[in-house]
């Protein structure tokens, strides 16, 4: 188990720390009003939710997976842990979770977590702590429930159910080594199961993909993401109206012609 480290905003300006912030939709009982995390943690959360979407798991499974990863690794893909535990979910090669290389691949380890959860009889009706413990067999089973509120907030945003709720600010505006969309398409295929990241999209799906892109914004060196007439830019770190609400999705990487 590794403790979550939350990145706090430090006032803006040249020395501001890169961070991502999620804002709860109005009238969301049980959710924190806002939650702030580092780009690395955001990247991990996007992977966990993206893989869940590819597998078609219920929303509650996504919340359980996020709460588990917050408790186990602080949403950081660490290469150490208790005994031989590794990765986002602190899975152990000696317990049959895979090789070290497989466990340290966030897509593989997340897939393994979901597969383990879905095999638990009655998991949808279990409390988060009980369901997570049934998969993880942790020495601190009661701790998973502590992270349910922020896990639910992340899930709601990354599943496209809270448009424009996820922002990332003060990300480095550094061009990628490869200015093509190859890396974006490859990551989207592995996590989401599709490389279609442009054109018309249904509302919830469009916002899910747009939010997934912003959460991966630092890794993918994104300059902007647009969906349904609203655009997030790395320069502003915020969503703003940029055109008609046409249900169209597009992205631009830094340095793209």
C-alpha atoms as a PDB file:
ATOM      1  CA  UNK A   1       0.000   0.000   0.000  1.00  0.00           C
ATOM      2  CA  UNK A   2       1.269   3.464  -0.945  1.00  0.00           C
ATOM      3  CA  UNK A   3      -0.337   6.684   0.218  1.00  0.00           C
ATOM      4  CA  UNK A   4      -1.942   9.027  -2.335  1.00  0.00           C
ATOM      5  CA  UNK A   5      -0.157  12.333  -2.675  1.00  0.00           C
ATOM      6  CA  UNK A   6      -2.494  15.093  -3.828  1.00  0.00           C
ATOM      7  CA  UNK A   7      -0.934  17.950  -5.779  1.00  0.00           C
ATOM      8  CA  UNK A   8      -2.183  21.281  -4.508  1.00  0.00           C
ATOM      9  CA  UNK A   9      -2.471  24.376  -6.665  1.00  0.00           C
ATOM     10  CA  UNK A  10       0.232  26.898  -5.834  1.00  0.00           C
ATOM     11  CA  UNK A  11      -1.072  30.115  -7.212  1.00  0.00           C
ATOM     12  CA  UNK A  12      -0.204  30.161 -10.910  1.00  0.00           C
ATOM     13  CA  UNK A  13       2.689  31.988 -12.530  1.00  0.00           C
ATOM     14  CA  UNK A  14       5.891  30.656 -14.082  1.00  0.00           C
ATOM     15  CA  UNK A  15       6.633  28.366 -11.131  1.00  0.00           C
ATOM     16  CA  UNK A  16       3.150  26.869 -11.009  1.00  0.00           C
ATOM     17  CA  UNK A  17       3.074  23.113 -10.694  1.00  0.00           C
ATOM     18  CA  UNK A  18       1.342  21.127 -13.464  1.00  0.00           C
ATOM     19  CA  UNK A  19      -1.921  19.753 -12.155  1.00  0.00           C
ATOM     20  CA  UNK A  20      -5.312  18.445 -13.167  1.00  0.00           C
ATOM     21  CA  UNK A  21      -8.540  19.408 -11.426  1.00  0.00           C
ATOM     22  CA  UNK A  22     -11.950  17.758 -11.512  1.00  0.00           C
ATOM     23  CA  UNK A  23     -15.046  19.759 -10.602  1.00  0.00           C
ATOM     24  CA  UNK A  24     -18.218  17.970  -9.538  1.00  0.00           C
ATOM     25  CA  UNK A  25     -21.417  18.758 -11.425  1.00  0.00           C
ATOM     26  CA  UNK A  26     -23.980  20.852  -9.492  1.00  0.00           C
ATOM     27  CA  UNK A  27     -26.164  18.775  -7.222  1.00  0.00           C
ATOM     28  CA  UNK A  28     -23.776  15.844  -6.744  1.00  0.00           C
ATOM     29  CA  UNK A  29     -24.269  14.606  -3.169  1.00  0.00           C
ATOM     30  CA  UNK A  30     -21.450  12.508  -1.818  1.00  0.00           C
ATOM     31  CA  UNK A  31     -18.855  13.849  -4.235  1.00  0.00           C
ATOM     32  CA  UNK A  32     -16.084  16.278  -3.315  1.00  0.00           C
ATOM     33  CA  UNK A  33     -16.640  19.686  -4.917  1.00  0.00           C
ATOM     34  CA  UNK A  34     -13.196  19.512  -6.531  1.00  0.00           C
ATOM     35  CA  UNK A  35     -10.279  17.132  -6.587  1.00  0.00           C
ATOM     36  CA  UNK A  36      -6.739  17.928  -7.719  1.00  0.00           C
ATOM     37  CA  UNK A  37      -4.086  15.478  -8.842  1.00  0.00           C
ATOM     38  CA  UNK A  38      -0.802  15.416 -10.709  1.00  0.00           C
ATOM     39  CA  UNK A  39      -0.578  14.778 -14.467  1.00  0.00           C
ATOM     40  CA  UNK A  40       0.964  11.384 -13.676  1.00  0.00           C
ATOM     41  CA  UNK A  41      -2.001  10.460 -11.482  1.00  0.00           C
ATOM     42  CA  UNK A  42      -4.401  11.809 -14.118  1.00  0.00           C
ATOM     43  CA  UNK A  43      -2.702   9.680 -16.752  1.00  0.00           C
ATOM     44  CA  UNK A  44      -3.187   6.564 -14.614  1.00  0.00           C
ATOM     45  CA  UNK A  45      -6.830   7.390 -13.912  1.00  0.00           C
ATOM     46  CA  UNK A  46      -7.476   7.854 -17.636  1.00  0.00           C
ATOM     47  CA  UNK A  47      -5.959   4.447 -18.340  1.00  0.00           C
ATOM     48  CA  UNK A  48      -8.070   2.726 -15.678  1.00  0.00           C
ATOM     49  CA  UNK A  49     -11.290   4.271 -16.985  1.00  0.00           C
ATOM     50  CA  UNK A  50     -10.327   3.855 -20.633  1.00  0.00           C
ATOM     51  CA  UNK A  51      -9.668   0.140 -20.192  1.00  0.00           C
ATOM     52  CA  UNK A  52     -12.969  -0.188 -18.350  1.00  0.00           C
ATOM     53  CA  UNK A  53     -14.754   1.381 -21.309  1.00  0.00           C
ATOM     54  CA  UNK A  54     -13.009  -0.964 -23.739  1.00  0.00           C
ATOM     55  CA  UNK A  55     -14.044  -3.981 -21.673  1.00  0.00           C
ATOM     56  CA  UNK A  56     -17.583  -2.664 -21.264  1.00  0.00           C
ATOM     57  CA  UNK A  57     -17.584  -2.995 -17.476  1.00  0.00           C
ATOM     58  CA  UNK A  58     -20.316  -1.314 -15.396  1.00  0.00           C
ATOM     59  CA  UNK A  59     -19.643   2.157 -14.023  1.00  0.00           C
ATOM     60  CA  UNK A  60     -19.418   0.776 -10.486  1.00  0.00           C
ATOM     61  CA  UNK A  61     -16.525  -1.468 -11.503  1.00  0.00           C
ATOM     62  CA  UNK A  62     -14.672   1.639 -12.702  1.00  0.00           C
ATOM     63  CA  UNK A  63     -15.205   3.336  -9.337  1.00  0.00           C
ATOM     64  CA  UNK A  64     -13.964   0.236  -7.486  1.00  0.00           C
ATOM     65  CA  UNK A  65     -10.870   0.036  -9.701  1.00  0.00           C
ATOM     66  CA  UNK A  66     -10.037   3.708  -9.164  1.00  0.00           C
ATOM     67  CA  UNK A  67     -10.533   3.510  -5.388  1.00  0.00           C
ATOM     68  CA  UNK A  68      -8.312   0.438  -5.291  1.00  0.00           C
ATOM     69  CA  UNK A  69      -5.508   2.063  -7.273  1.00  0.00           C
ATOM     70  CA  UNK A  70      -5.688   5.220  -5.150  1.00  0.00           C
ATOM     71  CA  UNK A  71      -5.259   3.132  -2.009  1.00  0.00           C
ATOM     72  CA  UNK A  72      -2.626   0.759  -3.366  1.00  0.00           C
ATOM     73  CA  UNK A  73      -0.307   3.084  -5.305  1.00  0.00           C
ATOM     74  CA  UNK A  74      -1.617   6.643  -5.165  1.00  0.00           C
ATOM     75  CA  UNK A  75      -2.387   6.269  -8.896  1.00  0.00           C
ATOM     76  CA  UNK A  76       1.326   6.012  -9.678  1.00  0.00           C
ATOM     77  CA  UNK A  77       2.715   3.050 -11.600  1.00  0.00           C
ATOM     78  CA  UNK A  78       5.461   2.286  -9.094  1.00  0.00           C
ATOM     79  CA  UNK A  79       8.080  -0.429  -9.574  1.00  0.00           C
ATOM     80  CA  UNK A  80       8.210  -1.331  -5.877  1.00  0.00           C
ATOM     81  CA  UNK A  81       5.918  -2.260  -3.004  1.00  0.00           C
ATOM     82  CA  UNK A  82       5.376  -4.663  -0.127  1.00  0.00           C
ATOM     83  CA  UNK A  83       7.294  -7.879  -0.837  1.00  0.00           C
ATOM     84  CA  UNK A  84       7.018  -8.363  -4.608  1.00  0.00           C
ATOM     85  CA  UNK A  85       4.051  -6.030  -5.139  1.00  0.00           C
ATOM     86  CA  UNK A  86       4.257  -3.761  -8.182  1.00  0.00           C
ATOM     87  CA  UNK A  87       2.327  -1.284 -10.265  1.00  0.00           C
ATOM     88  CA  UNK A  88      -0.933   0.595  -9.981  1.00  0.00           C
ATOM     89  CA  UNK A  89      -2.732  -2.182  -8.115  1.00  0.00           C
ATOM     90  CA  UNK A  90       0.320  -3.548  -6.250  1.00  0.00           C
ATOM     91  CA  UNK A  91      -0.169  -6.941  -7.847  1.00  0.00           C
ATOM     92  CA  UNK A  92       2.319  -9.703  -7.056  1.00  0.00           C
ATOM     93  CA  UNK A  93       3.993 -11.983  -9.594  1.00  0.00           C
ATOM     94  CA  UNK A  94       4.173 -14.672  -6.901  1.00  0.00           C
ATOM     95  CA  UNK A  95       0.373 -14.585  -6.587  1.00  0.00           C
ATOM     96  CA  UNK A  96      -0.287 -15.254 -10.243  1.00  0.00           C
ATOM     97  CA  UNK A  97      -0.928 -11.701 -11.479  1.00  0.00           C
ATOM     98  CA  UNK A  98       1.646 -12.018 -14.266  1.00  0.00           C
ATOM     99  CA  UNK A  99       5.281 -11.241 -14.867  1.00  0.00           C
ATOM    100  CA  UNK A 100       6.884  -8.069 -13.550  1.00  0.00           C
ATOM    101  CA  UNK A 101       6.779  -6.625 -17.055  1.00  0.00           C
ATOM    102  CA  UNK A 102       3.076  -7.402 -17.413  1.00  0.00           C
ATOM    103  CA  UNK A 103       2.171  -5.948 -14.023  1.00  0.00           C
ATOM    104  CA  UNK A 104       4.091  -2.755 -14.801  1.00  0.00           C
ATOM    105  CA  UNK A 105       2.090  -2.315 -18.003  1.00  0.00           C
ATOM    106  CA  UNK A 106      -0.917  -0.273 -16.760  1.00  0.00           C
ATOM    107  CA  UNK A 107      -3.211  -1.584 -19.486  1.00  0.00           C
ATOM    108  CA  UNK A 108      -2.393  -5.220 -18.678  1.00  0.00           C
ATOM    109  CA  UNK A 109      -2.603  -4.769 -14.901  1.00  0.00           C
ATOM    110  CA  UNK A 110      -5.881  -2.851 -15.144  1.00  0.00           C
ATOM    111  CA  UNK A 111      -7.369  -5.509 -17.402  1.00  0.00           C
ATOM    112  CA  UNK A 112      -6.329  -8.161 -14.889  1.00  0.00           C
ATOM    113  CA  UNK A 113      -7.985  -6.239 -12.054  1.00  0.00           C
ATOM    114  CA  UNK A 114     -11.284  -5.950 -13.904  1.00  0.00           C
ATOM    115  CA  UNK A 115     -11.198  -9.615 -14.884  1.00  0.00           C
ATOM    116  CA  UNK A 116     -10.625 -10.554 -11.249  1.00  0.00           C
ATOM    117  CA  UNK A 117     -13.444  -8.304 -10.039  1.00  0.00           C
ATOM    118  CA  UNK A 118     -15.980  -9.594 -12.554  1.00  0.00           C
ATOM    119  CA  UNK A 119     -15.351 -13.152 -11.379  1.00  0.00           C
ATOM    120  CA  UNK A 120     -16.462 -12.318  -7.815  1.00  0.00           C
ATOM    121  CA  UNK A 121     -20.054 -13.529  -7.297  1.00  0.00           C
ATOM    122  CA  UNK A 122     -22.335 -10.668  -6.319  1.00  0.00           C
ATOM    123  CA  UNK A 123     -19.690  -7.956  -6.619  1.00  0.00           C
ATOM    124  CA  UNK A 124     -22.112  -5.260  -7.936  1.00  0.00           C
ATOM    125  CA  UNK A 125     -24.036  -5.246  -4.653  1.00  0.00           C
ATOM    126  CA  UNK A 126     -20.933  -5.209  -2.452  1.00  0.00           C
ATOM    127  CA  UNK A 127     -19.511  -2.150  -0.732  1.00  0.00           C
ATOM    128  CA  UNK A 128     -16.375  -0.812  -2.420  1.00  0.00           C
ATOM    129  CA  UNK A 129     -14.206  -2.121   0.407  1.00  0.00           C
ATOM    130  CA  UNK A 130     -15.654  -5.626   0.221  1.00  0.00           C
ATOM    131  CA  UNK A 131     -15.429  -5.865  -3.572  1.00  0.00           C
ATOM    132  CA  UNK A 132     -11.889  -4.491  -3.708  1.00  0.00           C
ATOM    133  CA  UNK A 133     -10.745  -6.762  -0.905  1.00  0.00           C
ATOM    134  CA  UNK A 134     -12.203  -9.799  -2.653  1.00  0.00           C
ATOM    135  CA  UNK A 135      -9.854  -9.094  -5.546  1.00  0.00           C
ATOM    136  CA  UNK A 136      -6.832  -7.707  -3.708  1.00  0.00           C
ATOM    137  CA  UNK A 137      -6.739  -9.592  -0.384  1.00  0.00           C
ATOM    138  CA  UNK A 138      -5.092  -6.575   1.237  1.00  0.00           C
ATOM    139  CA  UNK A 139      -3.832  -6.277   4.783  1.00  0.00           C
ATOM    140  CA  UNK A 140      -5.785  -2.984   5.067  1.00  0.00           C
ATOM    141  CA  UNK A 141      -9.182  -3.853   3.571  1.00  0.00           C
ATOM    142  CA  UNK A 142     -11.119  -1.081   5.306  1.00  0.00           C
ATOM    143  CA  UNK A 143      -9.029   1.617   3.606  1.00  0.00           C
ATOM    144  CA  UNK A 144     -10.519   1.241   0.117  1.00  0.00           C
ATOM    145  CA  UNK A 145     -13.791   2.881   1.146  1.00  0.00           C
ATOM    146  CA  UNK A 146     -11.899   6.020   2.190  1.00  0.00           C
ATOM    147  CA  UNK A 147     -11.317   6.800  -1.476  1.00  0.00           C
ATOM    148  CA  UNK A 148     -14.772   6.118  -2.880  1.00  0.00           C
ATOM    149  CA  UNK A 149     -15.838   9.794  -3.148  1.00  0.00           C
ATOM    150  CA  UNK A 150     -12.864  10.925  -5.240  1.00  0.00           C
ATOM    151  CA  UNK A 151     -12.978   7.684  -7.245  1.00  0.00           C
ATOM    152  CA  UNK A 152     -16.628   8.325  -8.104  1.00  0.00           C
ATOM    153  CA  UNK A 153     -15.813  11.901  -9.100  1.00  0.00           C
ATOM    154  CA  UNK A 154     -13.033  10.736 -11.435  1.00  0.00           C
ATOM    155  CA  UNK A 155     -15.287   8.063 -12.898  1.00  0.00           C
ATOM    156  CA  UNK A 156     -18.166  10.459 -13.549  1.00  0.00           C
ATOM    157  CA  UNK A 157     -15.839  12.861 -15.345  1.00  0.00           C
ATOM    158  CA  UNK A 158     -13.843  10.310 -17.360  1.00  0.00           C
ATOM    159  CA  UNK A 159     -16.988   8.408 -18.346  1.00  0.00           C
ATOM    160  CA  UNK A 160     -18.281  11.563 -20.014  1.00  0.00           C
ATOM    161  CA  UNK A 161     -21.098  12.196 -17.548  1.00  0.00           C
ATOM    162  CA  UNK A 162     -19.881  15.664 -16.475  1.00  0.00           C
ATOM    163  CA  UNK A 163     -18.957  17.702 -19.578  1.00  0.00           C
ATOM    164  CA  UNK A 164     -15.966  19.983 -19.196  1.00  0.00           C
ATOM    165  CA  UNK A 165     -15.353  18.938 -15.592  1.00  0.00           C
ATOM    166  CA  UNK A 166     -11.723  17.831 -16.077  1.00  0.00           C
ATOM    167  CA  UNK A 167      -9.026  20.431 -16.706  1.00  0.00           C
ATOM    168  CA  UNK A 168      -5.244  20.277 -16.692  1.00  0.00           C
ATOM    169  CA  UNK A 169      -3.229  23.455 -16.185  1.00  0.00           C
ATOM    170  CA  UNK A 170       0.402  24.513 -16.417  1.00  0.00           C
ATOM    171  CA  UNK A 171       1.333  21.476 -18.499  1.00  0.00           C
ATOM    172  CA  UNK A 172       4.632  21.858 -20.378  1.00  0.00           C
ATOM    173  CA  UNK A 173       3.989  23.063 -23.937  1.00  0.00           C
ATOM    174  CA  UNK A 174       6.718  20.843 -25.380  1.00  0.00           C
ATOM    175  CA  UNK A 175       6.400  19.409 -28.901  1.00  0.00           C
ATOM    176  CA  UNK A 176       6.458  15.612 -29.031  1.00  0.00           C
ATOM    177  CA  UNK A 177       9.354  13.802 -30.667  1.00  0.00           C
ATOM    178  CA  UNK A 178       6.939  12.575 -33.320  1.00  0.00           C
ATOM    179  CA  UNK A 179       4.398  15.189 -34.391  1.00  0.00           C
ATOM    180  CA  UNK A 180       2.138  12.615 -36.052  1.00  0.00           C
ATOM    181  CA  UNK A 181      -0.965  11.152 -34.425  1.00  0.00           C
ATOM    182  CA  UNK A 182       0.534   7.644 -34.348  1.00  0.00           C
ATOM    183  CA  UNK A 183       1.163   7.620 -30.604  1.00  0.00           C
ATOM    184  CA  UNK A 184      -2.309   8.955 -29.864  1.00  0.00           C
ATOM    185  CA  UNK A 185      -3.973   6.331 -32.054  1.00  0.00           C
ATOM    186  CA  UNK A 186      -1.890   3.523 -30.568  1.00  0.00           C
ATOM    187  CA  UNK A 187      -2.737   4.506 -26.991  1.00  0.00           C
ATOM    188  CA  UNK A 188      -6.417   4.962 -27.826  1.00  0.00           C
ATOM    189  CA  UNK A 189      -6.592   1.543 -29.445  1.00  0.00           C
ATOM    190  CA  UNK A 190      -4.957  -0.160 -26.447  1.00  0.00           C
ATOM    191  CA  UNK A 191      -7.061   1.599 -23.836  1.00  0.00           C
ATOM    192  CA  UNK A 192     -10.347   2.538 -25.506  1.00  0.00           C
ATOM    193  CA  UNK A 193     -10.444  -0.099 -28.212  1.00  0.00           C
ATOM    194  CA  UNK A 194     -10.774   2.514 -30.957  1.00  0.00           C
ATOM    195  CA  UNK A 195      -8.539   4.972 -32.803  1.00  0.00           C
ATOM    196  CA  UNK A 196     -11.491   7.096 -33.934  1.00  0.00           C
ATOM    197  CA  UNK A 197     -10.810  10.339 -32.112  1.00  0.00           C
ATOM    198  CA  UNK A 198     -12.369  12.833 -34.481  1.00  0.00           C
ATOM    199  CA  UNK A 199     -15.671  13.593 -36.147  1.00  0.00           C
ATOM    200  CA  UNK A 200     -19.186  13.341 -34.776  1.00  0.00           C
ATOM    201  CA  UNK A 201     -19.596  11.455 -31.493  1.00  0.00           C
ATOM    202  CA  UNK A 202     -22.623  10.800 -29.243  1.00  0.00           C
ATOM    203  CA  UNK A 203     -22.614  13.179 -26.282  1.00  0.00           C
ATOM    204  CA  UNK A 204     -21.477  10.897 -23.454  1.00  0.00           C
ATOM    205  CA  UNK A 205     -18.976   9.031 -25.616  1.00  0.00           C
ATOM    206  CA  UNK A 206     -17.616  12.269 -27.046  1.00  0.00           C
ATOM    207  CA  UNK A 207     -17.076  13.783 -23.625  1.00  0.00           C
ATOM    208  CA  UNK A 208     -15.553  10.540 -22.346  1.00  0.00           C
ATOM    209  CA  UNK A 209     -12.971  10.548 -25.133  1.00  0.00           C
ATOM    210  CA  UNK A 210     -12.349  14.300 -24.856  1.00  0.00           C
ATOM    211  CA  UNK A 211     -11.782  13.999 -21.104  1.00  0.00           C
ATOM    212  CA  UNK A 212      -9.559  10.932 -21.612  1.00  0.00           C
ATOM    213  CA  UNK A 213      -7.446  13.007 -24.014  1.00  0.00           C
ATOM    214  CA  UNK A 214      -7.087  15.927 -21.588  1.00  0.00           C
ATOM    215  CA  UNK A 215      -6.138  13.569 -18.743  1.00  0.00           C
ATOM    216  CA  UNK A 216      -3.437  12.131 -21.029  1.00  0.00           C
ATOM    217  CA  UNK A 217      -2.561  15.641 -22.221  1.00  0.00           C
ATOM    218  CA  UNK A 218       1.000  15.776 -20.888  1.00  0.00           C
ATOM    219  CA  UNK A 219       2.007  12.344 -22.210  1.00  0.00           C
ATOM    220  CA  UNK A 220       0.490  13.003 -25.629  1.00  0.00           C
ATOM    221  CA  UNK A 221       1.754  16.613 -25.825  1.00  0.00           C
ATOM    222  CA  UNK A 222      -1.670  17.962 -26.719  1.00  0.00           C
ATOM    223  CA  UNK A 223      -2.184  21.568 -27.695  1.00  0.00           C
ATOM    224  CA  UNK A 224      -5.966  21.434 -27.741  1.00  0.00           C
ATOM    225  CA  UNK A 225      -9.008  19.173 -27.538  1.00  0.00           C
ATOM    226  CA  UNK A 226     -12.384  20.248 -28.930  1.00  0.00           C
ATOM    227  CA  UNK A 227     -15.759  18.623 -28.482  1.00  0.00           C
ATOM    228  CA  UNK A 228     -19.248  19.913 -29.179  1.00  0.00           C
ATOM    229  CA  UNK A 229     -18.166  23.516 -29.585  1.00  0.00           C
ATOM    230  CA  UNK A 230     -15.973  23.689 -26.472  1.00  0.00           C
ATOM    231  CA  UNK A 231     -12.171  23.639 -26.497  1.00  0.00           C
ATOM    232  CA  UNK A 232      -9.532  22.921 -23.884  1.00  0.00           C
ATOM    233  CA  UNK A 233      -6.066  24.298 -24.649  1.00  0.00           C
ATOM    234  CA  UNK A 234      -2.736  23.673 -22.981  1.00  0.00           C
ATOM    235  CA  UNK A 235      -2.173  27.439 -22.978  1.00  0.00           C
ATOM    236  CA  UNK A 236      -5.326  28.271 -21.000  1.00  0.00           C
ATOM    237  CA  UNK A 237      -5.764  25.002 -19.140  1.00  0.00           C
ATOM    238  CA  UNK A 238      -9.521  25.493 -19.327  1.00  0.00           C
ATOM    239  CA  UNK A 239     -12.576  24.689 -21.436  1.00  0.00           C
ATOM    240  CA  UNK A 240     -14.135  27.584 -23.360  1.00  0.00           C
ATOM    241  CA  UNK A 241     -16.808  27.971 -26.014  1.00  0.00           C
ATOM    242  CA  UNK A 242     -15.146  27.910 -29.413  1.00  0.00           C
ATOM    243  CA  UNK A 243     -17.916  27.240 -31.905  1.00  0.00           C
ATOM    244  CA  UNK A 244     -21.344  25.734 -32.456  1.00  0.00           C
ATOM    245  CA  UNK A 245     -22.448  22.708 -30.428  1.00  0.00           C
ATOM    246  CA  UNK A 246     -22.101  20.274 -33.327  1.00  0.00           C
ATOM    247  CA  UNK A 247     -21.102  17.054 -31.522  1.00  0.00           C
ATOM    248  CA  UNK A 248     -17.755  16.958 -33.316  1.00  0.00           C
ATOM    249  CA  UNK A 249     -14.486  15.894 -31.680  1.00  0.00           C
ATOM    250  CA  UNK A 250     -10.985  16.943 -32.688  1.00  0.00           C
ATOM    251  CA  UNK A 251      -7.530  17.273 -31.200  1.00  0.00           C
ATOM    252  CA  UNK A 252      -4.283  19.008 -32.008  1.00  0.00           C
ATOM    253  CA  UNK A 253      -0.801  18.097 -30.815  1.00  0.00           C
ATOM    254  CA  UNK A 254       1.835  20.681 -30.020  1.00  0.00           C
ATOM    255  CA  UNK A 255       3.959  21.399 -33.074  1.00  0.00           C
ATOM    256  CA  UNK A 256       1.457  20.005 -35.554  1.00  0.00           C
ATOM    257  CA  UNK A 257       1.343  21.972 -38.802  1.00  0.00           C
END
